[in-house]
N, C-alpha and C. Protein backbone atom coordinates (compact mmCIF):
# COMPACT_ATOMS: atom_id res chain seq x y z
N MET A 1 71.39 103.83 85.52
CA MET A 1 71.03 102.44 85.64
C MET A 1 69.53 102.28 85.90
N ALA A 2 68.94 103.27 86.55
CA ALA A 2 67.51 103.17 86.85
C ALA A 2 66.68 103.21 85.58
N SER A 3 67.11 103.97 84.58
CA SER A 3 66.34 104.04 83.34
C SER A 3 66.38 102.70 82.60
N VAL A 4 67.48 101.97 82.72
CA VAL A 4 67.56 100.64 82.10
C VAL A 4 66.55 99.71 82.75
N ASN A 5 66.43 99.79 84.08
CA ASN A 5 65.44 98.97 84.79
C ASN A 5 64.05 99.20 84.23
N LEU A 6 63.70 100.46 84.11
CA LEU A 6 62.35 100.81 83.68
C LEU A 6 62.11 100.41 82.23
N LEU A 7 63.10 100.62 81.38
CA LEU A 7 62.94 100.25 79.98
C LEU A 7 62.80 98.74 79.80
N VAL A 8 63.58 97.99 80.54
CA VAL A 8 63.49 96.53 80.44
C VAL A 8 62.10 96.06 80.85
N VAL A 9 61.60 96.58 81.95
CA VAL A 9 60.28 96.17 82.44
C VAL A 9 59.19 96.57 81.45
N LEU A 10 59.24 97.79 80.94
CA LEU A 10 58.19 98.25 80.02
C LEU A 10 58.23 97.49 78.70
N LEU A 11 59.41 97.31 78.14
CA LEU A 11 59.50 96.61 76.86
C LEU A 11 59.12 95.14 76.97
N VAL A 12 59.64 94.47 77.99
CA VAL A 12 59.33 93.05 78.15
C VAL A 12 57.84 92.86 78.47
N GLY A 13 57.31 93.72 79.34
CA GLY A 13 55.89 93.62 79.66
C GLY A 13 55.00 93.81 78.45
N THR A 14 55.34 94.77 77.61
CA THR A 14 54.55 95.02 76.41
C THR A 14 54.64 93.86 75.41
N VAL A 15 55.84 93.33 75.22
CA VAL A 15 56.02 92.21 74.28
C VAL A 15 55.32 90.96 74.79
N VAL A 16 55.45 90.67 76.08
CA VAL A 16 54.77 89.49 76.64
C VAL A 16 53.26 89.65 76.54
N GLY A 17 52.76 90.84 76.79
CA GLY A 17 51.32 91.09 76.65
C GLY A 17 50.84 90.87 75.23
N ALA A 18 51.61 91.36 74.25
CA ALA A 18 51.24 91.18 72.85
C ALA A 18 51.28 89.70 72.45
N LEU A 19 52.31 89.00 72.89
CA LEU A 19 52.41 87.57 72.56
C LEU A 19 51.31 86.75 73.23
N THR A 20 50.93 87.14 74.44
CA THR A 20 49.83 86.47 75.12
C THR A 20 48.52 86.71 74.37
N GLY A 21 48.30 87.95 73.94
CA GLY A 21 47.11 88.25 73.15
C GLY A 21 47.08 87.48 71.85
N LEU A 22 48.23 87.34 71.23
CA LEU A 22 48.32 86.57 69.99
C LEU A 22 48.05 85.09 70.24
N GLY A 23 48.58 84.57 71.34
CA GLY A 23 48.41 83.15 71.64
C GLY A 23 47.00 82.79 72.09
N LEU A 24 46.34 83.70 72.79
CA LEU A 24 45.00 83.41 73.31
C LEU A 24 43.89 84.00 72.45
N ASN A 25 44.18 84.30 71.22
CA ASN A 25 43.23 84.94 70.32
C ASN A 25 41.96 84.09 70.18
N GLY A 26 40.85 84.60 70.70
CA GLY A 26 39.57 83.93 70.56
C GLY A 26 39.31 82.81 71.55
N LEU A 27 40.28 82.46 72.39
CA LEU A 27 40.07 81.36 73.33
C LEU A 27 39.36 81.79 74.60
N VAL A 28 39.58 83.02 75.04
CA VAL A 28 38.95 83.53 76.26
C VAL A 28 38.38 84.91 75.96
N SER A 29 37.57 85.40 76.88
CA SER A 29 36.99 86.74 76.69
C SER A 29 38.07 87.80 76.86
N ASP A 30 37.75 89.01 76.44
CA ASP A 30 38.73 90.11 76.50
C ASP A 30 39.18 90.39 77.93
N PHE A 31 38.28 90.31 78.88
CA PHE A 31 38.63 90.59 80.27
C PHE A 31 39.64 89.58 80.79
N TYR A 32 39.37 88.29 80.57
CA TYR A 32 40.30 87.26 81.04
C TYR A 32 41.62 87.30 80.27
N LEU A 33 41.55 87.63 79.01
CA LEU A 33 42.76 87.78 78.22
C LEU A 33 43.65 88.88 78.81
N ALA A 34 43.05 90.00 79.16
CA ALA A 34 43.82 91.11 79.74
C ALA A 34 44.39 90.72 81.10
N MET A 35 43.62 90.01 81.91
CA MET A 35 44.12 89.59 83.22
C MET A 35 45.31 88.64 83.09
N ILE A 36 45.18 87.66 82.21
CA ILE A 36 46.27 86.71 82.00
C ILE A 36 47.50 87.42 81.44
N ALA A 37 47.28 88.29 80.46
CA ALA A 37 48.40 89.01 79.84
C ALA A 37 49.11 89.91 80.85
N GLY A 38 48.33 90.59 81.70
CA GLY A 38 48.94 91.49 82.68
C GLY A 38 49.76 90.75 83.72
N VAL A 39 49.22 89.66 84.25
CA VAL A 39 49.95 88.90 85.27
C VAL A 39 51.20 88.24 84.66
N LEU A 40 51.04 87.65 83.48
CA LEU A 40 52.20 87.03 82.82
C LEU A 40 53.27 88.08 82.50
N ALA A 41 52.84 89.24 82.01
CA ALA A 41 53.79 90.30 81.68
C ALA A 41 54.56 90.74 82.91
N THR A 42 53.88 90.86 84.04
CA THR A 42 54.53 91.28 85.27
C THR A 42 55.55 90.25 85.74
N ILE A 43 55.17 89.01 85.77
CA ILE A 43 56.08 87.97 86.27
C ILE A 43 57.29 87.81 85.35
N VAL A 44 57.05 87.76 84.04
CA VAL A 44 58.17 87.59 83.11
C VAL A 44 59.07 88.83 83.12
N ALA A 45 58.48 90.02 83.18
CA ALA A 45 59.28 91.25 83.21
C ALA A 45 60.14 91.31 84.47
N GLY A 46 59.60 90.87 85.60
CA GLY A 46 60.39 90.85 86.84
C GLY A 46 61.55 89.88 86.76
N ILE A 47 61.32 88.71 86.19
CA ILE A 47 62.39 87.72 86.06
C ILE A 47 63.45 88.21 85.08
N VAL A 48 63.02 88.75 83.94
CA VAL A 48 63.98 89.25 82.95
C VAL A 48 64.76 90.42 83.51
N ARG A 49 64.10 91.32 84.23
CA ARG A 49 64.78 92.47 84.81
C ARG A 49 65.84 92.02 85.81
N ASN A 50 65.50 91.06 86.67
CA ASN A 50 66.48 90.55 87.63
C ASN A 50 67.65 89.88 86.92
N THR A 51 67.37 89.11 85.88
CA THR A 51 68.43 88.43 85.14
C THR A 51 69.34 89.43 84.45
N VAL A 52 68.76 90.41 83.81
CA VAL A 52 69.56 91.42 83.10
C VAL A 52 70.42 92.21 84.08
N MET A 53 69.85 92.62 85.19
CA MET A 53 70.58 93.49 86.11
C MET A 53 71.66 92.73 86.88
N THR A 54 71.50 91.43 87.09
CA THR A 54 72.54 90.70 87.80
C THR A 54 73.64 90.19 86.87
N ARG A 55 73.30 89.90 85.63
CA ARG A 55 74.30 89.36 84.71
C ARG A 55 74.96 90.41 83.84
N LEU A 56 74.22 91.42 83.43
CA LEU A 56 74.76 92.39 82.49
C LEU A 56 75.04 93.75 83.13
N GLY A 57 74.71 93.91 84.39
CA GLY A 57 74.95 95.19 85.05
C GLY A 57 76.44 95.46 85.21
N THR A 58 76.79 96.72 85.26
CA THR A 58 78.20 97.07 85.40
C THR A 58 78.64 96.89 86.84
N GLU A 59 79.78 96.30 87.02
CA GLU A 59 80.35 96.09 88.34
C GLU A 59 81.31 97.23 88.65
N PRO A 60 81.44 97.62 89.91
CA PRO A 60 82.39 98.67 90.25
C PRO A 60 83.82 98.18 90.06
N ASP A 61 84.73 99.12 89.80
CA ASP A 61 86.14 98.79 89.64
C ASP A 61 86.74 98.52 91.01
N LEU A 62 87.04 97.26 91.29
CA LEU A 62 87.52 96.88 92.61
C LEU A 62 89.04 96.81 92.68
N SER A 63 89.73 97.07 91.58
CA SER A 63 91.18 96.90 91.56
C SER A 63 91.93 97.97 92.36
N THR A 64 91.35 99.15 92.52
CA THR A 64 92.06 100.24 93.22
C THR A 64 91.54 100.47 94.62
N ARG A 65 90.66 99.64 95.12
CA ARG A 65 90.09 99.85 96.44
C ARG A 65 90.78 98.98 97.47
N PRO A 66 90.82 99.43 98.71
CA PRO A 66 91.36 98.57 99.77
C PRO A 66 90.47 97.35 99.99
N MET A 67 91.01 96.34 100.64
CA MET A 67 90.31 95.07 100.82
C MET A 67 88.98 95.25 101.56
N LEU A 68 88.93 96.12 102.57
CA LEU A 68 87.70 96.34 103.31
C LEU A 68 86.60 96.88 102.41
N MET A 69 86.95 97.80 101.51
CA MET A 69 85.96 98.34 100.58
C MET A 69 85.51 97.28 99.58
N ILE A 70 86.40 96.38 99.19
CA ILE A 70 86.03 95.32 98.27
C ILE A 70 85.02 94.39 98.93
N ILE A 71 85.24 94.04 100.18
CA ILE A 71 84.31 93.17 100.89
C ILE A 71 82.96 93.87 101.06
N TYR A 72 82.98 95.16 101.43
CA TYR A 72 81.74 95.90 101.60
C TYR A 72 80.99 96.00 100.28
N SER A 73 81.70 96.28 99.19
CA SER A 73 81.06 96.41 97.89
C SER A 73 80.45 95.10 97.45
N ALA A 74 81.14 94.00 97.70
CA ALA A 74 80.63 92.70 97.29
C ALA A 74 79.35 92.35 98.04
N VAL A 75 79.25 92.77 99.28
CA VAL A 75 78.06 92.50 100.07
C VAL A 75 76.94 93.46 99.69
N ALA A 76 77.27 94.72 99.42
CA ALA A 76 76.26 95.75 99.21
C ALA A 76 75.63 95.70 97.83
N ILE A 77 76.26 95.05 96.85
CA ILE A 77 75.72 95.03 95.50
C ILE A 77 74.63 93.98 95.41
N ASP A 78 73.42 94.42 95.23
CA ASP A 78 72.30 93.51 95.01
C ASP A 78 71.31 94.24 94.13
N ARG A 79 71.28 93.88 92.88
CA ARG A 79 70.44 94.58 91.93
C ARG A 79 69.08 93.92 91.75
N ARG A 80 68.85 92.81 92.40
CA ARG A 80 67.59 92.11 92.23
C ARG A 80 66.49 92.77 93.05
N ILE A 81 65.30 92.75 92.52
CA ILE A 81 64.16 93.17 93.32
C ILE A 81 63.58 91.92 93.96
N PRO A 82 63.13 92.03 95.20
CA PRO A 82 62.65 90.82 95.88
C PRO A 82 61.36 90.28 95.27
N LEU A 83 61.10 89.02 95.55
CA LEU A 83 59.92 88.35 95.04
C LEU A 83 58.64 89.03 95.51
N ARG A 84 58.65 89.59 96.70
CA ARG A 84 57.42 90.23 97.18
C ARG A 84 57.06 91.46 96.35
N VAL A 85 58.05 92.18 95.82
CA VAL A 85 57.75 93.32 94.95
C VAL A 85 57.14 92.82 93.64
N ILE A 86 57.64 91.71 93.13
CA ILE A 86 57.06 91.13 91.92
C ILE A 86 55.63 90.66 92.18
N MET A 87 55.39 90.08 93.35
CA MET A 87 54.03 89.64 93.68
C MET A 87 53.09 90.83 93.87
N TYR A 88 53.56 91.90 94.52
CA TYR A 88 52.74 93.11 94.64
C TYR A 88 52.42 93.66 93.26
N SER A 89 53.40 93.59 92.36
CA SER A 89 53.20 94.07 91.00
C SER A 89 52.18 93.20 90.26
N ALA A 90 52.20 91.90 90.52
CA ALA A 90 51.23 91.02 89.88
C ALA A 90 49.82 91.34 90.34
N VAL A 91 49.67 91.66 91.61
CA VAL A 91 48.34 92.05 92.11
C VAL A 91 47.93 93.40 91.51
N ALA A 92 48.88 94.33 91.44
CA ALA A 92 48.58 95.64 90.86
C ALA A 92 48.28 95.52 89.37
N SER A 93 48.84 94.50 88.71
CA SER A 93 48.60 94.35 87.28
C SER A 93 47.14 94.02 86.98
N LEU A 94 46.42 93.50 87.96
CA LEU A 94 45.00 93.24 87.75
C LEU A 94 44.24 94.54 87.50
N ALA A 95 44.62 95.60 88.22
CA ALA A 95 44.01 96.91 87.99
C ALA A 95 44.41 97.46 86.63
N GLY A 96 45.68 97.28 86.27
CA GLY A 96 46.14 97.74 84.96
C GLY A 96 45.47 96.98 83.84
N SER A 97 45.22 95.69 84.04
CA SER A 97 44.56 94.89 83.02
C SER A 97 43.10 95.32 82.85
N ALA A 98 42.44 95.61 83.95
CA ALA A 98 41.05 96.09 83.86
C ALA A 98 41.00 97.43 83.14
N ALA A 99 42.00 98.28 83.42
CA ALA A 99 42.07 99.57 82.73
C ALA A 99 42.33 99.37 81.24
N ALA A 100 43.13 98.37 80.90
CA ALA A 100 43.42 98.09 79.49
C ALA A 100 42.16 97.67 78.74
N VAL A 101 41.33 96.86 79.37
CA VAL A 101 40.07 96.46 78.74
C VAL A 101 39.17 97.67 78.54
N GLN A 102 39.13 98.54 79.54
CA GLN A 102 38.30 99.75 79.44
C GLN A 102 38.79 100.66 78.32
N VAL A 103 40.10 100.87 78.24
CA VAL A 103 40.66 101.72 77.18
C VAL A 103 40.41 101.10 75.81
N ALA A 104 40.58 99.79 75.70
CA ALA A 104 40.34 99.13 74.42
C ALA A 104 38.87 99.21 74.02
N THR A 105 37.97 99.10 74.98
CA THR A 105 36.55 99.19 74.68
C THR A 105 36.17 100.60 74.24
N GLU A 106 36.69 101.59 74.94
CA GLU A 106 36.39 102.98 74.58
C GLU A 106 37.02 103.37 73.24
N SER A 107 38.15 102.78 72.91
CA SER A 107 38.83 103.07 71.65
C SER A 107 38.33 102.21 70.51
N GLU A 108 37.42 101.31 70.80
CA GLU A 108 36.85 100.37 69.83
C GLU A 108 37.92 99.46 69.23
N LEU A 109 38.89 99.07 70.06
CA LEU A 109 39.90 98.09 69.65
C LEU A 109 39.37 96.71 70.01
N THR A 110 39.23 95.87 69.03
CA THR A 110 38.71 94.53 69.30
C THR A 110 39.77 93.45 69.13
N SER A 111 40.95 93.81 68.69
CA SER A 111 42.01 92.85 68.48
C SER A 111 42.53 92.34 69.83
N SER A 112 42.70 91.04 69.92
CA SER A 112 43.23 90.47 71.16
C SER A 112 44.69 90.86 71.36
N VAL A 113 45.42 91.08 70.28
CA VAL A 113 46.81 91.51 70.40
C VAL A 113 46.87 92.91 70.99
N ALA A 114 45.97 93.79 70.57
CA ALA A 114 45.94 95.16 71.10
C ALA A 114 45.57 95.14 72.59
N ILE A 115 44.62 94.32 72.96
CA ILE A 115 44.22 94.24 74.37
C ILE A 115 45.36 93.67 75.21
N GLY A 116 46.00 92.62 74.73
CA GLY A 116 47.14 92.05 75.44
C GLY A 116 48.30 93.02 75.55
N THR A 117 48.56 93.78 74.48
CA THR A 117 49.63 94.77 74.50
C THR A 117 49.34 95.87 75.52
N LEU A 118 48.12 96.36 75.52
CA LEU A 118 47.75 97.38 76.50
C LEU A 118 47.84 96.85 77.93
N ALA A 119 47.39 95.63 78.12
CA ALA A 119 47.45 95.04 79.47
C ALA A 119 48.90 94.88 79.91
N GLY A 120 49.77 94.41 79.02
CA GLY A 120 51.19 94.28 79.36
C GLY A 120 51.84 95.62 79.61
N LEU A 121 51.49 96.62 78.81
CA LEU A 121 52.05 97.97 79.00
C LEU A 121 51.59 98.56 80.33
N PHE A 122 50.31 98.49 80.62
CA PHE A 122 49.80 99.04 81.87
C PHE A 122 50.36 98.29 83.08
N ALA A 123 50.50 96.98 82.98
CA ALA A 123 51.10 96.21 84.07
C ALA A 123 52.56 96.60 84.25
N GLY A 124 53.26 96.83 83.14
CA GLY A 124 54.65 97.28 83.21
C GLY A 124 54.79 98.66 83.85
N ILE A 125 53.86 99.54 83.54
CA ILE A 125 53.88 100.88 84.15
C ILE A 125 53.69 100.78 85.66
N LEU A 126 52.74 99.97 86.08
CA LEU A 126 52.53 99.80 87.52
C LEU A 126 53.73 99.15 88.19
N MET A 127 54.37 98.21 87.50
CA MET A 127 55.55 97.57 88.07
C MET A 127 56.70 98.56 88.19
N THR A 128 56.88 99.42 87.20
CA THR A 128 57.95 100.41 87.30
C THR A 128 57.71 101.38 88.45
N ILE A 129 56.48 101.71 88.70
CA ILE A 129 56.17 102.58 89.84
C ILE A 129 56.58 101.89 91.14
N LEU A 130 56.24 100.60 91.27
CA LEU A 130 56.62 99.87 92.47
C LEU A 130 58.14 99.70 92.59
N ILE A 131 58.84 99.54 91.47
CA ILE A 131 60.30 99.44 91.51
C ILE A 131 60.90 100.76 91.95
N ILE A 132 60.36 101.87 91.47
CA ILE A 132 60.87 103.18 91.88
C ILE A 132 60.66 103.38 93.38
N VAL A 133 59.50 103.01 93.87
CA VAL A 133 59.24 103.13 95.31
C VAL A 133 60.17 102.23 96.11
N TYR A 134 60.42 101.02 95.62
CA TYR A 134 61.32 100.11 96.31
C TYR A 134 62.74 100.66 96.32
N ASP A 135 63.19 101.22 95.20
CA ASP A 135 64.54 101.78 95.13
C ASP A 135 64.71 103.02 95.98
N MET A 136 63.63 103.75 96.22
CA MET A 136 63.72 104.97 97.03
C MET A 136 63.82 104.68 98.51
N ASN A 137 63.42 103.51 98.94
CA ASN A 137 63.43 103.15 100.36
C ASN A 137 64.82 102.64 100.73
N PRO A 138 65.62 103.44 101.47
CA PRO A 138 66.98 103.02 101.76
C PRO A 138 67.11 102.02 102.91
N ARG A 139 66.05 101.82 103.70
CA ARG A 139 66.13 100.92 104.84
C ARG A 139 66.10 99.48 104.38
N PRO A 140 66.92 98.62 104.99
CA PRO A 140 66.84 97.20 104.66
C PRO A 140 65.54 96.61 105.18
N PRO A 141 65.04 95.55 104.55
CA PRO A 141 63.81 94.93 105.01
C PRO A 141 63.96 94.40 106.43
N GLY A 142 62.94 94.57 107.22
CA GLY A 142 62.96 94.07 108.58
C GLY A 142 63.43 95.08 109.60
N GLU A 143 64.00 96.19 109.15
CA GLU A 143 64.46 97.20 110.10
C GLU A 143 63.28 98.04 110.54
N ILE A 144 63.17 98.23 111.83
CA ILE A 144 62.06 98.98 112.39
C ILE A 144 62.47 100.44 112.52
N GLN A 145 61.61 101.31 112.01
CA GLN A 145 61.90 102.73 112.11
C GLN A 145 61.25 103.27 113.38
N HIS A 146 62.07 103.88 114.25
CA HIS A 146 61.56 104.42 115.51
C HIS A 146 61.27 105.90 115.36
N ASN A 147 60.07 106.28 115.73
CA ASN A 147 59.70 107.69 115.72
C ASN A 147 59.68 108.20 117.16
N PRO A 148 60.60 109.11 117.52
CA PRO A 148 60.61 109.60 118.91
C PRO A 148 59.45 110.49 119.23
């Protein structure tokens, strides 16, 4: 299931970046185009990922479990990533967008679609890294870890 998360974020981020580059062709400079494409790609990819994982994700088979396990499973299943992770990803996408402009400049790519695609891809990569880190942390938010 984790690979589906990453693929959704990367594909949606790249497509949104390309569409943003296509839509803003010639209206803004390459730097601002990459920034807008990266932030838009991150926000849209986060929303699409949450929608896909909550609506299309596989549910556990609850027919053979005792009632207590059914209640626990219903409470424990939460496939959405919180809004703060999406916001952290949007801030991180600014670095990915700047890197996209640098890569496009060094590669002599002048197409706004190419710059938007790179910005969306790099923003998606940074978002997947943050999703992996979020998924690795088993503690619920707000729980204080005590070090003796």
